[in-house]
Protein backbone atom coordinates (compact mmCIF):
# COMPACT_ATOMS: atom_id res chain seq x y z
CA MET A 1 109.99 194.18 92.27
CA LEU A 2 110.82 194.42 95.94
CA SER A 3 111.35 197.77 97.57
CA SER A 4 114.13 198.54 99.96
CA LYS A 5 113.77 200.50 103.14
CA PRO A 6 116.05 201.62 105.93
CA VAL A 7 116.35 199.32 108.92
CA LEU A 8 117.08 199.85 112.58
CA THR A 9 120.46 198.16 113.03
CA GLU A 10 121.77 196.76 116.29
CA ALA A 11 124.45 199.47 116.30
CA ALA A 12 121.80 202.18 115.99
CA VAL A 13 119.71 200.54 118.73
CA ALA A 14 122.74 200.40 121.04
CA GLU A 15 123.55 204.07 120.44
CA ILE A 16 119.95 205.16 121.02
CA VAL A 17 119.87 203.29 124.34
CA ALA A 18 123.30 204.62 125.37
CA ALA A 19 122.41 208.24 124.55
CA SER A 20 119.13 207.92 126.44
CA TRP A 21 120.94 206.41 129.42
CA ARG A 22 123.46 209.30 129.45
CA GLN A 23 120.63 211.87 129.38
CA ALA A 24 118.81 210.10 132.21
CA ILE A 25 122.00 210.12 134.30
CA GLU A 26 122.44 213.82 133.59
CA LEU A 27 118.86 214.52 134.71
CA GLY A 28 119.20 212.25 137.75
CA ASP A 29 116.32 209.98 136.74
CA ALA A 30 116.18 206.19 136.97
CA VAL A 31 114.22 205.12 133.89
CA THR A 32 113.50 202.24 131.58
CA VAL A 33 114.34 202.71 127.91
CA VAL A 34 112.78 200.44 125.28
CA VAL A 35 113.58 200.43 121.57
CA VAL A 36 111.31 198.48 119.22
CA GLY A 37 111.61 197.69 115.53
CA ASP A 38 109.09 198.53 112.83
CA ALA A 39 106.86 195.59 113.85
CA ALA A 40 106.79 196.95 117.44
CA ALA A 41 108.76 193.96 118.74
CA PRO A 42 111.41 194.86 121.33
CA ARG A 43 114.97 195.25 120.10
CA ALA A 44 116.40 196.50 123.42
CA LEU A 45 115.31 197.20 126.97
CA LEU A 46 117.39 198.87 129.67
CA ARG A 47 115.93 199.21 133.15
CA MET A 48 118.27 201.40 135.14
CA ASP A 49 119.10 200.66 138.75
CA GLY A 50 116.34 202.18 140.86
CA ALA A 51 113.74 202.28 138.07
CA ASP A 52 110.39 200.95 139.22
CA LEU A 53 109.27 197.68 137.65
CA LEU A 54 106.13 199.39 136.32
CA THR A 55 108.30 201.55 134.07
CA VAL A 56 109.02 198.52 131.88
CA GLY A 57 105.41 198.22 130.72
CA PHE A 58 105.00 201.97 130.34
CA ALA A 59 108.17 202.34 128.25
CA LEU A 60 107.22 199.39 126.06
CA GLY A 61 103.72 200.80 125.55
CA LYS A 62 105.12 204.18 124.54
CA ALA A 63 107.62 202.66 122.10
CA ARG A 64 104.99 200.41 120.48
CA LEU A 65 102.48 203.23 120.10
CA ALA A 66 105.06 205.55 118.53
CA ALA A 67 106.36 202.86 116.15
CA THR A 68 102.96 201.74 114.94
CA ASN A 69 101.42 205.18 114.53
CA ALA A 70 104.44 207.19 113.38
CA MET A 71 103.92 210.03 115.81
CA PRO A 72 105.05 211.01 119.29
CA THR A 73 102.94 209.65 122.13
CA ARG A 74 102.38 213.15 123.46
CA ARG A 75 100.32 213.87 120.33
CA TRP A 76 97.92 211.05 121.21
CA ARG A 77 97.44 212.56 124.63
CA GLY A 78 96.71 215.93 123.07
CA LEU A 79 94.18 214.40 120.68
CA ALA A 80 92.46 212.45 123.43
CA SER A 81 92.29 215.48 125.72
CA THR A 82 90.31 217.51 123.16
CA ASP A 83 87.59 214.93 122.56
CA PRO A 84 85.78 213.08 125.38
CA TYR A 85 84.91 210.17 123.07
CA LEU A 86 88.54 209.71 122.06
CA ALA A 87 89.62 210.02 125.67
CA ALA A 88 87.32 207.16 126.64
CA THR A 89 87.89 204.84 123.69
CA VAL A 90 91.42 205.36 122.37
CA PRO A 91 93.31 203.95 125.38
CA ILE A 92 91.16 200.80 125.42
CA ALA A 93 91.38 200.27 121.66
CA LEU A 94 95.13 200.83 121.57
CA ASP A 95 95.64 198.53 124.52
CA ARG A 96 93.76 195.75 122.74
CA LEU A 97 95.47 196.33 119.41
CA LEU A 98 99.02 196.77 120.68
CA GLY A 99 98.98 194.75 123.87
CA GLY A 100 99.61 197.92 125.83
CA ALA A 101 99.81 201.52 124.73
CA VAL A 102 100.61 204.56 126.84
CA LEU A 103 99.46 208.07 125.97
CA PHE A 104 102.01 209.88 128.13
CA ALA A 105 104.94 211.81 126.67
CA GLY A 106 108.19 209.90 126.22
CA GLY A 107 107.57 207.83 123.09
CA TYR A 108 108.85 208.68 119.60
CA PRO A 109 108.95 206.93 116.27
CA VAL A 110 112.35 206.33 114.75
CA GLN A 111 111.99 207.56 111.18
CA VAL A 112 114.41 207.82 108.28
CA GLY A 113 113.32 209.53 105.09
CA GLY A 114 109.71 209.53 106.23
CA VAL A 115 109.74 205.76 106.83
CA THR A 116 109.11 204.53 110.37
CA ILE A 117 111.68 201.88 111.27
CA GLY A 118 111.02 201.62 115.00
CA GLY A 119 110.22 203.48 118.15
CA ILE A 120 111.66 204.51 121.49
CA GLY A 121 109.82 204.68 124.80
CA VAL A 122 111.08 206.02 128.12
CA SER A 123 109.41 205.87 131.53
CA GLY A 124 110.48 206.63 135.07
CA GLY A 125 110.88 210.37 135.30
CA SER A 126 108.39 213.18 134.88
CA GLU A 127 106.66 213.36 131.51
CA ALA A 128 108.97 216.20 130.51
CA ALA A 129 112.06 214.23 131.56
CA ASP A 130 110.92 211.06 129.79
CA ASP A 131 110.34 213.14 126.67
CA ASP A 132 113.78 214.78 126.88
CA ILE A 133 115.48 211.41 127.41
CA ALA A 134 113.70 209.84 124.43
CA ARG A 135 114.61 212.79 122.20
CA ALA A 136 118.24 212.51 123.33
CA GLY A 137 118.19 208.90 122.18
CA LEU A 138 116.85 209.92 118.79
CA ALA A 139 119.41 212.70 118.49
CA SER A 140 122.20 210.12 118.72
CA SER A 141 121.31 208.96 115.23
CA GLY A 142 122.25 211.52 112.64
CA GLU A 143 119.89 209.86 110.16
CA ALA A 144 116.72 209.71 112.28
CA GLU A 145 114.22 212.52 111.97
CA GLN A 146 114.10 214.68 115.07
CA PHE A 147 111.14 216.00 117.03
CA THR A 148 110.79 218.93 119.38
CA THR A 149 108.29 219.62 122.13
CA ALA A 150 106.65 222.04 119.68
CA ASP A 151 105.73 219.07 117.46
CA ALA A 152 102.79 218.20 119.66
CA PRO A 153 99.79 219.96 121.15
């Protein structure tokens, strides 16, 4: 028997990107927002006017890491900062496994009922701003589980 699971629809993706964009405008930051599906393949990418080209890779890396590991990227940074071995090896391993992974804040899994169906990554502002913008995108979906800054070390 086949199981069924929630999926990240194009309407949900569009709303996540739009809500993130609105939050970035409110904060005055030019960012890139990337939403990926459960296989970490991009579903949407918005690079705002004025956002540096490097933000594309950073946002994609954050989204992929969050989607494939089901936890905010800021948690990875906290884990790596407490163990020198992890700090030296985790970024290299994740880069090789995911084709780019970023341990800065601003990446969150999109989860419904404990099932990860995608991820969002934001880059271009401060870490705190990227994190706020990503959480605003998640908040646009009433079904997605929400995270707070207290959810990470």
